[in-house]
Amino acid sequence: MIFFDYIKLDLDIRKKQYKNSMSEAEVCRQMSISRATLWRMSTGKPIDMSTFCKMATWTERPVGRYFSKSKGHA
């Protein structure tokens, strides 16, 4: 079974946000998502594939980074 590591995605988004001194609103504008959607993902709620792609692309990290074969978060 493959698991989505929403914690890792959230951390990568926050790292880039802070590195670039951006507000959460600006991050969401750049990703073309709502702040509510970002919050939902950060709390482990489901997001659709299109939203995931926007988020993962924005982090500039490999998409596979956010999936693992174990449920643990490293």
N, C-alpha and C. Protein backbone atom coordinates (compact mmCIF):
# COMPACT_ATOMS: atom_id res chain seq x y z
N MET A 1 0.84 -1.18 0.00
CA MET A 1 0.00 0.00 0.00
C MET A 1 0.88 1.25 0.00
N ILE A 2 0.47 2.26 -0.73
CA ILE A 2 1.22 3.52 -0.81
C ILE A 2 0.48 4.58 0.00
N PHE A 3 1.23 5.36 0.79
CA PHE A 3 0.64 6.40 1.62
C PHE A 3 1.09 7.79 1.19
N PHE A 4 0.19 8.74 1.26
CA PHE A 4 0.46 10.15 0.97
C PHE A 4 0.97 10.80 2.26
N ASP A 5 2.15 11.41 2.20
CA ASP A 5 2.75 12.05 3.37
C ASP A 5 2.41 13.54 3.35
N TYR A 6 1.23 13.87 3.84
CA TYR A 6 0.78 15.26 3.84
C TYR A 6 1.65 16.12 4.76
N ILE A 7 2.22 15.52 5.79
CA ILE A 7 3.07 16.29 6.70
C ILE A 7 4.32 16.78 5.98
N LYS A 8 4.92 15.92 5.19
CA LYS A 8 6.11 16.29 4.43
C LYS A 8 5.78 17.39 3.42
N LEU A 9 4.64 17.27 2.74
CA LEU A 9 4.24 18.30 1.79
C LEU A 9 4.01 19.62 2.51
N ASP A 10 3.32 19.59 3.63
CA ASP A 10 3.07 20.82 4.39
C ASP A 10 4.38 21.44 4.84
N LEU A 11 5.31 20.64 5.33
CA LEU A 11 6.60 21.17 5.77
C LEU A 11 7.37 21.81 4.61
N ASP A 12 7.36 21.18 3.44
CA ASP A 12 8.06 21.76 2.29
C ASP A 12 7.42 23.07 1.85
N ILE A 13 6.10 23.14 1.91
CA ILE A 13 5.42 24.39 1.56
C ILE A 13 5.81 25.47 2.56
N ARG A 14 5.77 25.16 3.85
CA ARG A 14 6.11 26.15 4.88
C ARG A 14 7.57 26.58 4.80
N LYS A 15 8.47 25.65 4.52
CA LYS A 15 9.89 26.01 4.39
C LYS A 15 10.09 27.03 3.27
N LYS A 16 9.47 26.78 2.12
CA LYS A 16 9.61 27.71 1.00
C LYS A 16 8.93 29.04 1.33
N GLN A 17 7.79 28.97 1.98
CA GLN A 17 7.07 30.19 2.38
C GLN A 17 7.97 31.06 3.25
N TYR A 18 8.55 30.48 4.29
CA TYR A 18 9.38 31.25 5.22
C TYR A 18 10.69 31.70 4.59
N LYS A 19 11.27 30.85 3.78
CA LYS A 19 12.52 31.20 3.09
C LYS A 19 12.33 32.44 2.23
N ASN A 20 11.16 32.55 1.61
CA ASN A 20 10.87 33.67 0.71
C ASN A 20 10.06 34.78 1.38
N SER A 21 9.92 34.70 2.71
CA SER A 21 9.19 35.71 3.49
C SER A 21 7.83 36.03 2.88
N MET A 22 7.06 34.99 2.62
CA MET A 22 5.76 35.14 1.98
C MET A 22 4.64 34.92 2.99
N SER A 23 3.54 35.61 2.78
CA SER A 23 2.35 35.35 3.59
C SER A 23 1.68 34.08 3.07
N GLU A 24 0.84 33.50 3.91
CA GLU A 24 0.10 32.32 3.47
C GLU A 24 -0.82 32.66 2.30
N ALA A 25 -1.39 33.86 2.33
CA ALA A 25 -2.26 34.29 1.23
C ALA A 25 -1.49 34.34 -0.09
N GLU A 26 -0.25 34.84 -0.06
CA GLU A 26 0.55 34.91 -1.28
C GLU A 26 0.91 33.51 -1.78
N VAL A 27 1.25 32.62 -0.86
CA VAL A 27 1.55 31.23 -1.23
C VAL A 27 0.35 30.63 -1.95
N CYS A 28 -0.83 30.81 -1.39
CA CYS A 28 -2.04 30.25 -1.99
C CYS A 28 -2.34 30.87 -3.34
N ARG A 29 -2.12 32.17 -3.46
CA ARG A 29 -2.31 32.82 -4.78
C ARG A 29 -1.38 32.21 -5.82
N GLN A 30 -0.13 32.02 -5.45
CA GLN A 30 0.84 31.45 -6.39
C GLN A 30 0.46 30.03 -6.80
N MET A 31 -0.13 29.27 -5.88
CA MET A 31 -0.52 27.90 -6.19
C MET A 31 -1.91 27.82 -6.81
N SER A 32 -2.63 28.93 -6.81
CA SER A 32 -4.02 28.98 -7.31
C SER A 32 -4.94 28.04 -6.52
N ILE A 33 -4.79 28.10 -5.19
CA ILE A 33 -5.67 27.34 -4.30
C ILE A 33 -6.17 28.28 -3.21
N SER A 34 -7.18 27.88 -2.49
CA SER A 34 -7.68 28.70 -1.38
C SER A 34 -6.90 28.38 -0.11
N ARG A 35 -6.94 29.31 0.84
CA ARG A 35 -6.29 29.07 2.13
C ARG A 35 -6.98 27.91 2.84
N ALA A 36 -8.27 27.76 2.64
CA ALA A 36 -9.00 26.64 3.25
C ALA A 36 -8.48 25.31 2.73
N THR A 37 -8.15 25.25 1.45
CA THR A 37 -7.62 24.03 0.86
C THR A 37 -6.25 23.71 1.46
N LEU A 38 -5.42 24.72 1.61
CA LEU A 38 -4.10 24.51 2.22
C LEU A 38 -4.27 24.00 3.65
N TRP A 39 -5.19 24.58 4.39
CA TRP A 39 -5.45 24.14 5.76
C TRP A 39 -5.94 22.69 5.79
N ARG A 40 -6.86 22.36 4.88
CA ARG A 40 -7.38 20.99 4.83
C ARG A 40 -6.25 19.99 4.62
N MET A 41 -5.38 20.27 3.67
CA MET A 41 -4.27 19.36 3.41
C MET A 41 -3.37 19.26 4.63
N SER A 42 -3.09 20.39 5.28
CA SER A 42 -2.17 20.39 6.41
C SER A 42 -2.71 19.63 7.62
N THR A 43 -4.02 19.41 7.65
CA THR A 43 -4.63 18.64 8.75
C THR A 43 -4.94 17.20 8.34
N GLY A 44 -4.48 16.81 7.15
CA GLY A 44 -4.64 15.43 6.72
C GLY A 44 -5.95 15.12 6.03
N LYS A 45 -6.73 16.14 5.71
CA LYS A 45 -7.99 15.94 4.99
C LYS A 45 -7.68 15.66 3.52
N PRO A 46 -8.54 14.94 2.82
CA PRO A 46 -8.28 14.61 1.41
C PRO A 46 -8.23 15.86 0.51
N ILE A 47 -7.36 15.80 -0.47
CA ILE A 47 -7.31 16.81 -1.53
C ILE A 47 -7.34 16.07 -2.86
N ASP A 48 -7.77 16.76 -3.91
CA ASP A 48 -7.82 16.09 -5.20
C ASP A 48 -6.46 16.12 -5.89
N MET A 49 -6.33 15.34 -6.93
CA MET A 49 -5.04 15.20 -7.62
C MET A 49 -4.57 16.52 -8.23
N SER A 50 -5.48 17.30 -8.76
CA SER A 50 -5.13 18.59 -9.34
C SER A 50 -4.52 19.50 -8.29
N THR A 51 -5.11 19.53 -7.12
CA THR A 51 -4.60 20.36 -6.03
C THR A 51 -3.25 19.86 -5.57
N PHE A 52 -3.12 18.55 -5.42
CA PHE A 52 -1.83 17.99 -5.04
C PHE A 52 -0.75 18.40 -6.05
N CYS A 53 -1.06 18.31 -7.33
CA CYS A 53 -0.08 18.67 -8.37
C CYS A 53 0.33 20.13 -8.26
N LYS A 54 -0.62 21.01 -8.00
CA LYS A 54 -0.30 22.43 -7.83
C LYS A 54 0.65 22.63 -6.65
N MET A 55 0.34 21.97 -5.55
CA MET A 55 1.16 22.11 -4.35
C MET A 55 2.56 21.54 -4.54
N ALA A 56 2.62 20.33 -5.05
CA ALA A 56 3.91 19.67 -5.23
C ALA A 56 4.78 20.42 -6.24
N THR A 57 4.18 20.89 -7.31
CA THR A 57 4.91 21.66 -8.31
C THR A 57 5.47 22.94 -7.69
N TRP A 58 4.67 23.59 -6.87
CA TRP A 58 5.09 24.84 -6.25
C TRP A 58 6.31 24.64 -5.35
N THR A 59 6.41 23.49 -4.68
CA THR A 59 7.55 23.24 -3.78
C THR A 59 8.84 23.03 -4.56
N GLU A 60 8.73 22.71 -5.85
CA GLU A 60 9.89 22.42 -6.71
C GLU A 60 10.66 21.20 -6.22
N ARG A 61 9.94 20.27 -5.59
CA ARG A 61 10.53 19.02 -5.13
C ARG A 61 9.94 17.87 -5.95
N PRO A 62 10.61 16.74 -6.01
CA PRO A 62 10.07 15.59 -6.75
C PRO A 62 8.74 15.12 -6.15
N VAL A 63 7.78 14.86 -6.99
CA VAL A 63 6.44 14.44 -6.55
C VAL A 63 6.50 13.17 -5.72
N GLY A 64 7.36 12.25 -6.10
CA GLY A 64 7.48 10.98 -5.38
C GLY A 64 7.89 11.14 -3.93
N ARG A 65 8.44 12.28 -3.59
CA ARG A 65 8.86 12.57 -2.22
C ARG A 65 7.69 12.47 -1.23
N TYR A 66 6.47 12.69 -1.72
CA TYR A 66 5.30 12.77 -0.86
C TYR A 66 4.53 11.46 -0.74
N PHE A 67 5.15 10.37 -1.19
CA PHE A 67 4.52 9.06 -1.09
C PHE A 67 5.52 8.08 -0.50
N SER A 68 5.01 7.13 0.30
CA SER A 68 5.90 6.12 0.87
C SER A 68 5.14 4.82 1.02
N LYS A 69 5.87 3.75 1.24
CA LYS A 69 5.25 2.44 1.42
C LYS A 69 4.86 2.19 2.87
N SER A 70 5.31 3.05 3.76
CA SER A 70 4.95 2.90 5.18
C SER A 70 4.16 4.13 5.61
N LYS A 71 3.38 3.97 6.64
CA LYS A 71 2.52 5.05 7.09
C LYS A 71 3.27 6.06 7.95
N GLY A 72 4.48 5.75 8.39
CA GLY A 72 5.25 6.65 9.23
C GLY A 72 5.69 7.90 8.49
N HIS A 73 5.98 8.94 9.22
CA HIS A 73 6.44 10.21 8.65
C HIS A 73 7.90 10.40 9.04
N ALA A 74 8.76 10.47 8.04
CA ALA A 74 10.19 10.63 8.34
C ALA A 74 10.64 12.03 8.06
